[in-house]
Amino acid sequence: MINTDDLKNTLLEEKARLMLELSGVGHENPEIEGDWQPSAPDLNIPTADINDTADSMEAFEEAAAIEVELEARLLEVDSALSRIEAGTYGICRICGSAIEDARLHANPAAPTCIAHREG
């Protein structure tokens, strides 16, 4: 039997870590709740060397890729927390069976059982 309280605490800790990491590479979109955007570099530096500008653009592209992955995981964590509140946590969204304890301990945000895992 899964201990939902422990897994909820794990999810809340992961959410806090994800928010901290996201704030390092982006900022919250004020127009869409829960949406993040990568922070753009300042390219309006009059004395900027073309190599410095290229480095800034490369850093932005890397931050954007990281932001996308972190935001996707944050959505998974938030969804799992919502399922806990709704009383549907630990139930496979595809077949309705209980999600294995080992799977939930490995990935507390898992929405499916092992048989229906994606990827």
N, C-alpha and C. Protein backbone atom coordinates (compact mmCIF):
# COMPACT_ATOMS: atom_id res chain seq x y z
N MET A 1 0.85 -1.20 0.00
CA MET A 1 0.00 0.00 0.00
C MET A 1 0.89 1.25 0.00
N ILE A 2 0.60 2.16 -0.89
CA ILE A 2 1.41 3.37 -0.99
C ILE A 2 1.09 4.35 0.12
N ASN A 3 2.10 5.07 0.55
CA ASN A 3 1.92 6.12 1.54
C ASN A 3 1.83 7.44 0.77
N THR A 4 0.62 7.88 0.52
CA THR A 4 0.39 9.08 -0.28
C THR A 4 1.02 10.31 0.35
N ASP A 5 1.01 10.40 1.68
CA ASP A 5 1.59 11.58 2.34
C ASP A 5 3.08 11.70 2.03
N ASP A 6 3.81 10.57 2.10
CA ASP A 6 5.24 10.62 1.80
C ASP A 6 5.49 11.01 0.34
N LEU A 7 4.71 10.43 -0.56
CA LEU A 7 4.89 10.75 -1.98
C LEU A 7 4.46 12.19 -2.27
N LYS A 8 3.45 12.67 -1.58
CA LYS A 8 3.05 14.07 -1.75
C LYS A 8 4.19 14.98 -1.32
N ASN A 9 4.82 14.67 -0.20
CA ASN A 9 5.95 15.48 0.25
C ASN A 9 7.10 15.43 -0.75
N THR A 10 7.35 14.26 -1.31
CA THR A 10 8.39 14.12 -2.34
C THR A 10 8.06 14.99 -3.54
N LEU A 11 6.80 14.96 -3.96
CA LEU A 11 6.36 15.78 -5.10
C LEU A 11 6.49 17.27 -4.79
N LEU A 12 6.11 17.68 -3.59
CA LEU A 12 6.22 19.09 -3.22
C LEU A 12 7.68 19.54 -3.18
N GLU A 13 8.57 18.68 -2.70
CA GLU A 13 10.00 19.00 -2.70
C GLU A 13 10.52 19.12 -4.13
N GLU A 14 10.09 18.21 -5.00
CA GLU A 14 10.52 18.27 -6.39
C GLU A 14 9.98 19.54 -7.06
N LYS A 15 8.73 19.90 -6.75
CA LYS A 15 8.15 21.12 -7.32
C LYS A 15 8.96 22.34 -6.91
N ALA A 16 9.34 22.42 -5.65
CA ALA A 16 10.14 23.56 -5.18
C ALA A 16 11.49 23.62 -5.91
N ARG A 17 12.12 22.44 -6.10
CA ARG A 17 13.40 22.39 -6.80
C ARG A 17 13.23 22.81 -8.26
N LEU A 18 12.17 22.33 -8.90
CA LEU A 18 11.91 22.69 -10.30
C LEU A 18 11.67 24.18 -10.45
N MET A 19 10.91 24.76 -9.54
CA MET A 19 10.63 26.21 -9.60
C MET A 19 11.94 26.99 -9.45
N LEU A 20 12.81 26.54 -8.57
CA LEU A 20 14.09 27.21 -8.38
C LEU A 20 14.94 27.10 -9.64
N GLU A 21 15.00 25.90 -10.22
CA GLU A 21 15.76 25.72 -11.44
C GLU A 21 15.17 26.53 -12.59
N LEU A 22 13.86 26.56 -12.69
CA LEU A 22 13.21 27.34 -13.75
C LEU A 22 13.51 28.82 -13.60
N SER A 23 13.54 29.31 -12.38
CA SER A 23 13.82 30.74 -12.18
C SER A 23 15.25 31.09 -12.57
N GLY A 24 16.13 30.09 -12.67
CA GLY A 24 17.50 30.32 -13.10
C GLY A 24 17.65 30.43 -14.61
N VAL A 25 16.68 29.88 -15.35
CA VAL A 25 16.79 29.91 -16.82
C VAL A 25 15.64 30.66 -17.48
N GLY A 26 14.66 31.06 -16.70
CA GLY A 26 13.51 31.72 -17.29
C GLY A 26 12.73 32.53 -16.28
N HIS A 27 11.53 32.90 -16.69
CA HIS A 27 10.64 33.67 -15.83
C HIS A 27 9.21 33.24 -16.12
N GLU A 28 8.34 33.46 -15.14
CA GLU A 28 6.94 33.09 -15.32
C GLU A 28 6.28 34.06 -16.30
N ASN A 29 5.45 33.51 -17.15
CA ASN A 29 4.70 34.31 -18.11
C ASN A 29 3.54 34.97 -17.35
N PRO A 30 3.51 36.29 -17.27
CA PRO A 30 2.45 36.94 -16.49
C PRO A 30 1.07 36.81 -17.13
N GLU A 31 1.01 36.44 -18.40
CA GLU A 31 -0.27 36.35 -19.09
C GLU A 31 -0.91 34.97 -18.99
N ILE A 32 -0.09 33.93 -18.72
CA ILE A 32 -0.61 32.56 -18.66
C ILE A 32 -0.11 31.91 -17.37
N GLU A 33 -1.01 31.62 -16.47
CA GLU A 33 -0.64 31.02 -15.19
C GLU A 33 0.03 29.67 -15.41
N GLY A 34 1.14 29.47 -14.75
CA GLY A 34 1.87 28.21 -14.83
C GLY A 34 2.77 28.08 -16.03
N ASP A 35 2.83 29.09 -16.88
CA ASP A 35 3.67 29.04 -18.07
C ASP A 35 4.98 29.75 -17.80
N TRP A 36 6.04 29.17 -18.28
CA TRP A 36 7.37 29.77 -18.14
C TRP A 36 7.94 30.08 -19.51
N GLN A 37 8.81 31.08 -19.55
CA GLN A 37 9.50 31.46 -20.78
C GLN A 37 10.99 31.59 -20.48
N PRO A 38 11.83 31.19 -21.42
CA PRO A 38 13.26 31.38 -21.19
C PRO A 38 13.60 32.86 -21.17
N SER A 39 14.54 33.23 -20.34
CA SER A 39 14.97 34.63 -20.27
C SER A 39 15.91 34.93 -21.43
N ALA A 40 15.59 35.98 -22.16
CA ALA A 40 16.40 36.38 -23.32
C ALA A 40 17.60 37.21 -22.88
N PRO A 41 18.73 37.04 -23.56
CA PRO A 41 19.89 37.86 -23.24
C PRO A 41 19.70 39.28 -23.76
N ASP A 42 20.43 40.22 -23.19
CA ASP A 42 20.41 41.59 -23.67
C ASP A 42 21.33 41.70 -24.87
N LEU A 43 20.76 41.87 -26.04
CA LEU A 43 21.56 41.97 -27.26
C LEU A 43 21.72 43.41 -27.73
N ASN A 44 21.30 44.36 -26.93
CA ASN A 44 21.39 45.78 -27.29
C ASN A 44 22.62 46.44 -26.69
N ILE A 45 23.72 45.73 -26.66
CA ILE A 45 24.96 46.28 -26.13
C ILE A 45 25.74 46.86 -27.30
N PRO A 46 25.92 48.19 -27.34
CA PRO A 46 26.53 48.81 -28.52
C PRO A 46 27.95 48.35 -28.81
N THR A 47 28.70 47.96 -27.80
CA THR A 47 30.09 47.56 -28.03
C THR A 47 30.25 46.05 -28.08
N ALA A 48 29.15 45.34 -28.19
CA ALA A 48 29.23 43.88 -28.18
C ALA A 48 29.95 43.36 -29.42
N ASP A 49 30.84 42.47 -29.17
CA ASP A 49 31.55 41.77 -30.24
C ASP A 49 30.61 40.73 -30.85
N ILE A 50 30.76 40.45 -32.12
CA ILE A 50 29.89 39.47 -32.78
C ILE A 50 29.99 38.11 -32.09
N ASN A 51 31.17 37.76 -31.58
CA ASN A 51 31.35 36.50 -30.87
C ASN A 51 30.59 36.50 -29.54
N ASP A 52 30.58 37.65 -28.87
CA ASP A 52 29.83 37.76 -27.62
C ASP A 52 28.33 37.60 -27.89
N THR A 53 27.88 38.21 -28.98
CA THR A 53 26.47 38.08 -29.35
C THR A 53 26.13 36.63 -29.67
N ALA A 54 27.00 35.96 -30.40
CA ALA A 54 26.79 34.54 -30.73
C ALA A 54 26.77 33.69 -29.47
N ASP A 55 27.68 33.98 -28.54
CA ASP A 55 27.71 33.24 -27.27
C ASP A 55 26.42 33.46 -26.49
N SER A 56 25.91 34.68 -26.51
CA SER A 56 24.65 34.99 -25.81
C SER A 56 23.49 34.23 -26.43
N MET A 57 23.47 34.16 -27.75
CA MET A 57 22.39 33.44 -28.43
C MET A 57 22.48 31.94 -28.15
N GLU A 58 23.68 31.41 -28.11
CA GLU A 58 23.85 29.99 -27.82
C GLU A 58 23.41 29.69 -26.38
N ALA A 59 23.76 30.56 -25.45
CA ALA A 59 23.34 30.38 -24.07
C ALA A 59 21.82 30.44 -23.95
N PHE A 60 21.19 31.34 -24.72
CA PHE A 60 19.74 31.44 -24.71
C PHE A 60 19.09 30.16 -25.23
N GLU A 61 19.64 29.63 -26.31
CA GLU A 61 19.09 28.39 -26.88
C GLU A 61 19.21 27.24 -25.89
N GLU A 62 20.32 27.16 -25.17
CA GLU A 62 20.50 26.12 -24.15
C GLU A 62 19.50 26.31 -23.02
N ALA A 63 19.33 27.56 -22.58
CA ALA A 63 18.38 27.85 -21.50
C ALA A 63 16.96 27.52 -21.93
N ALA A 64 16.63 27.79 -23.20
CA ALA A 64 15.29 27.49 -23.70
C ALA A 64 15.04 25.98 -23.68
N ALA A 65 16.03 25.20 -24.07
CA ALA A 65 15.87 23.74 -24.07
C ALA A 65 15.70 23.22 -22.64
N ILE A 66 16.47 23.74 -21.73
CA ILE A 66 16.36 23.34 -20.32
C ILE A 66 15.01 23.75 -19.77
N GLU A 67 14.57 24.96 -20.10
CA GLU A 67 13.27 25.46 -19.62
C GLU A 67 12.14 24.56 -20.07
N VAL A 68 12.17 24.11 -21.31
CA VAL A 68 11.11 23.25 -21.83
C VAL A 68 11.04 21.94 -21.03
N GLU A 69 12.19 21.33 -20.77
CA GLU A 69 12.21 20.07 -20.02
C GLU A 69 11.75 20.27 -18.57
N LEU A 70 12.23 21.33 -17.93
CA LEU A 70 11.83 21.59 -16.55
C LEU A 70 10.34 21.89 -16.45
N GLU A 71 9.82 22.67 -17.39
CA GLU A 71 8.40 23.01 -17.37
C GLU A 71 7.54 21.77 -17.60
N ALA A 72 7.97 20.88 -18.48
CA ALA A 72 7.22 19.65 -18.73
C ALA A 72 7.17 18.80 -17.46
N ARG A 73 8.30 18.70 -16.76
CA ARG A 73 8.31 17.92 -15.52
C ARG A 73 7.45 18.59 -14.46
N LEU A 74 7.49 19.91 -14.39
CA LEU A 74 6.66 20.63 -13.42
C LEU A 74 5.18 20.36 -13.68
N LEU A 75 4.78 20.31 -14.93
CA LEU A 75 3.39 20.00 -15.26
C LEU A 75 3.02 18.58 -14.80
N GLU A 76 3.96 17.63 -14.95
CA GLU A 76 3.72 16.26 -14.48
C GLU A 76 3.55 16.23 -12.97
N VAL A 77 4.41 16.96 -12.27
CA VAL A 77 4.35 17.00 -10.81
C VAL A 77 3.04 17.66 -10.35
N ASP A 78 2.69 18.78 -10.97
CA ASP A 78 1.43 19.45 -10.61
C ASP A 78 0.23 18.55 -10.88
N SER A 79 0.27 17.81 -11.96
CA SER A 79 -0.82 16.89 -12.29
C SER A 79 -0.93 15.80 -11.22
N ALA A 80 0.20 15.27 -10.78
CA ALA A 80 0.19 14.25 -9.73
C ALA A 80 -0.36 14.82 -8.42
N LEU A 81 0.01 16.04 -8.10
CA LEU A 81 -0.51 16.67 -6.88
C LEU A 81 -2.02 16.88 -6.99
N SER A 82 -2.49 17.22 -8.18
CA SER A 82 -3.93 17.37 -8.39
C SER A 82 -4.65 16.04 -8.24
N ARG A 83 -4.02 14.96 -8.72
CA ARG A 83 -4.63 13.64 -8.56
C ARG A 83 -4.70 13.23 -7.10
N ILE A 84 -3.70 13.62 -6.32
CA ILE A 84 -3.74 13.33 -4.88
C ILE A 84 -4.94 14.03 -4.26
N GLU A 85 -5.11 15.30 -4.58
CA GLU A 85 -6.23 16.08 -4.02
C GLU A 85 -7.58 15.53 -4.48
N ALA A 86 -7.64 15.00 -5.69
CA ALA A 86 -8.89 14.48 -6.24
C ALA A 86 -9.17 13.04 -5.80
N GLY A 87 -8.18 12.41 -5.17
CA GLY A 87 -8.37 11.03 -4.73
C GLY A 87 -8.18 10.01 -5.84
N THR A 88 -7.54 10.41 -6.93
CA THR A 88 -7.32 9.49 -8.05
C THR A 88 -5.85 9.14 -8.23
N TYR A 89 -5.03 9.54 -7.28
CA TYR A 89 -3.59 9.28 -7.36
C TYR A 89 -3.34 7.78 -7.23
N GLY A 90 -2.40 7.29 -8.03
CA GLY A 90 -2.03 5.88 -7.95
C GLY A 90 -2.90 4.99 -8.80
N ILE A 91 -3.76 5.59 -9.62
CA ILE A 91 -4.64 4.83 -10.51
C ILE A 91 -4.22 5.13 -11.95
N CYS A 92 -3.95 4.08 -12.72
CA CYS A 92 -3.51 4.24 -14.11
C CYS A 92 -4.59 4.96 -14.91
N ARG A 93 -4.19 6.00 -15.61
CA ARG A 93 -5.16 6.78 -16.39
C ARG A 93 -5.62 6.04 -17.64
N ILE A 94 -4.96 4.94 -17.99
CA ILE A 94 -5.35 4.19 -19.18
C ILE A 94 -6.26 3.01 -18.83
N CYS A 95 -5.83 2.19 -17.88
CA CYS A 95 -6.60 0.97 -17.60
C CYS A 95 -7.38 1.03 -16.28
N GLY A 96 -7.10 2.02 -15.43
CA GLY A 96 -7.81 2.14 -14.17
C GLY A 96 -7.31 1.23 -13.07
N SER A 97 -6.25 0.49 -13.32
CA SER A 97 -5.66 -0.38 -12.30
C SER A 97 -4.75 0.45 -11.40
N ALA A 98 -4.41 -0.14 -10.27
CA ALA A 98 -3.48 0.52 -9.35
C ALA A 98 -2.09 0.58 -9.98
N ILE A 99 -1.43 1.70 -9.83
CA ILE A 99 -0.06 1.84 -10.29
C ILE A 99 0.84 1.17 -9.24
N GLU A 100 1.77 0.38 -9.69
CA GLU A 100 2.65 -0.37 -8.80
C GLU A 100 3.40 0.57 -7.86
N ASP A 101 3.54 0.13 -6.59
CA ASP A 101 4.26 0.91 -5.58
C ASP A 101 5.68 1.24 -6.05
N ALA A 102 6.36 0.26 -6.62
CA ALA A 102 7.73 0.47 -7.06
C ALA A 102 7.78 1.58 -8.12
N ARG A 103 6.80 1.62 -9.00
CA ARG A 103 6.77 2.66 -10.04
C ARG A 103 6.56 4.03 -9.41
N LEU A 104 5.64 4.11 -8.46
CA LEU A 104 5.37 5.41 -7.81
C LEU A 104 6.57 5.87 -6.99
N HIS A 105 7.28 4.93 -6.39
CA HIS A 105 8.47 5.34 -5.62
C HIS A 105 9.60 5.77 -6.56
N ALA A 106 9.66 5.17 -7.75
CA ALA A 106 10.68 5.56 -8.72
C ALA A 106 10.32 6.88 -9.40
N ASN A 107 9.02 7.07 -9.64
CA ASN A 107 8.54 8.29 -10.30
C ASN A 107 7.18 8.64 -9.69
N PRO A 108 7.17 9.44 -8.62
CA PRO A 108 5.92 9.77 -7.94
C PRO A 108 4.89 10.47 -8.82
N ALA A 109 5.31 11.02 -9.95
CA ALA A 109 4.38 11.72 -10.84
C ALA A 109 3.82 10.79 -11.93
N ALA A 110 4.15 9.51 -11.88
CA ALA A 110 3.72 8.57 -12.93
C ALA A 110 2.20 8.53 -13.02
N PRO A 111 1.66 8.73 -14.24
CA PRO A 111 0.21 8.70 -14.42
C PRO A 111 -0.32 7.33 -14.85
N THR A 112 0.60 6.39 -15.13
CA THR A 112 0.18 5.09 -15.63
C THR A 112 0.93 3.96 -14.92
N CYS A 113 0.37 2.76 -15.04
CA CYS A 113 1.03 1.57 -14.52
C CYS A 113 2.21 1.23 -15.43
N ILE A 114 3.00 0.25 -15.01
CA ILE A 114 4.18 -0.14 -15.79
C ILE A 114 3.77 -0.61 -17.19
N ALA A 115 2.70 -1.36 -17.29
CA ALA A 115 2.27 -1.88 -18.59
C ALA A 115 1.92 -0.79 -19.58
N HIS A 116 1.50 0.38 -19.08
CA HIS A 116 1.07 1.47 -19.95
C HIS A 116 2.00 2.68 -19.93
N ARG A 117 3.18 2.48 -19.40
CA ARG A 117 4.14 3.62 -19.36
C ARG A 117 4.48 4.04 -20.78
N GLU A 118 4.74 5.32 -20.92
CA GLU A 118 5.08 5.87 -22.23
C GLU A 118 6.58 5.88 -22.40
N GLY A 119 7.02 5.69 -23.62
CA GLY A 119 8.43 5.79 -23.91
C GLY A 119 9.10 4.51 -23.66
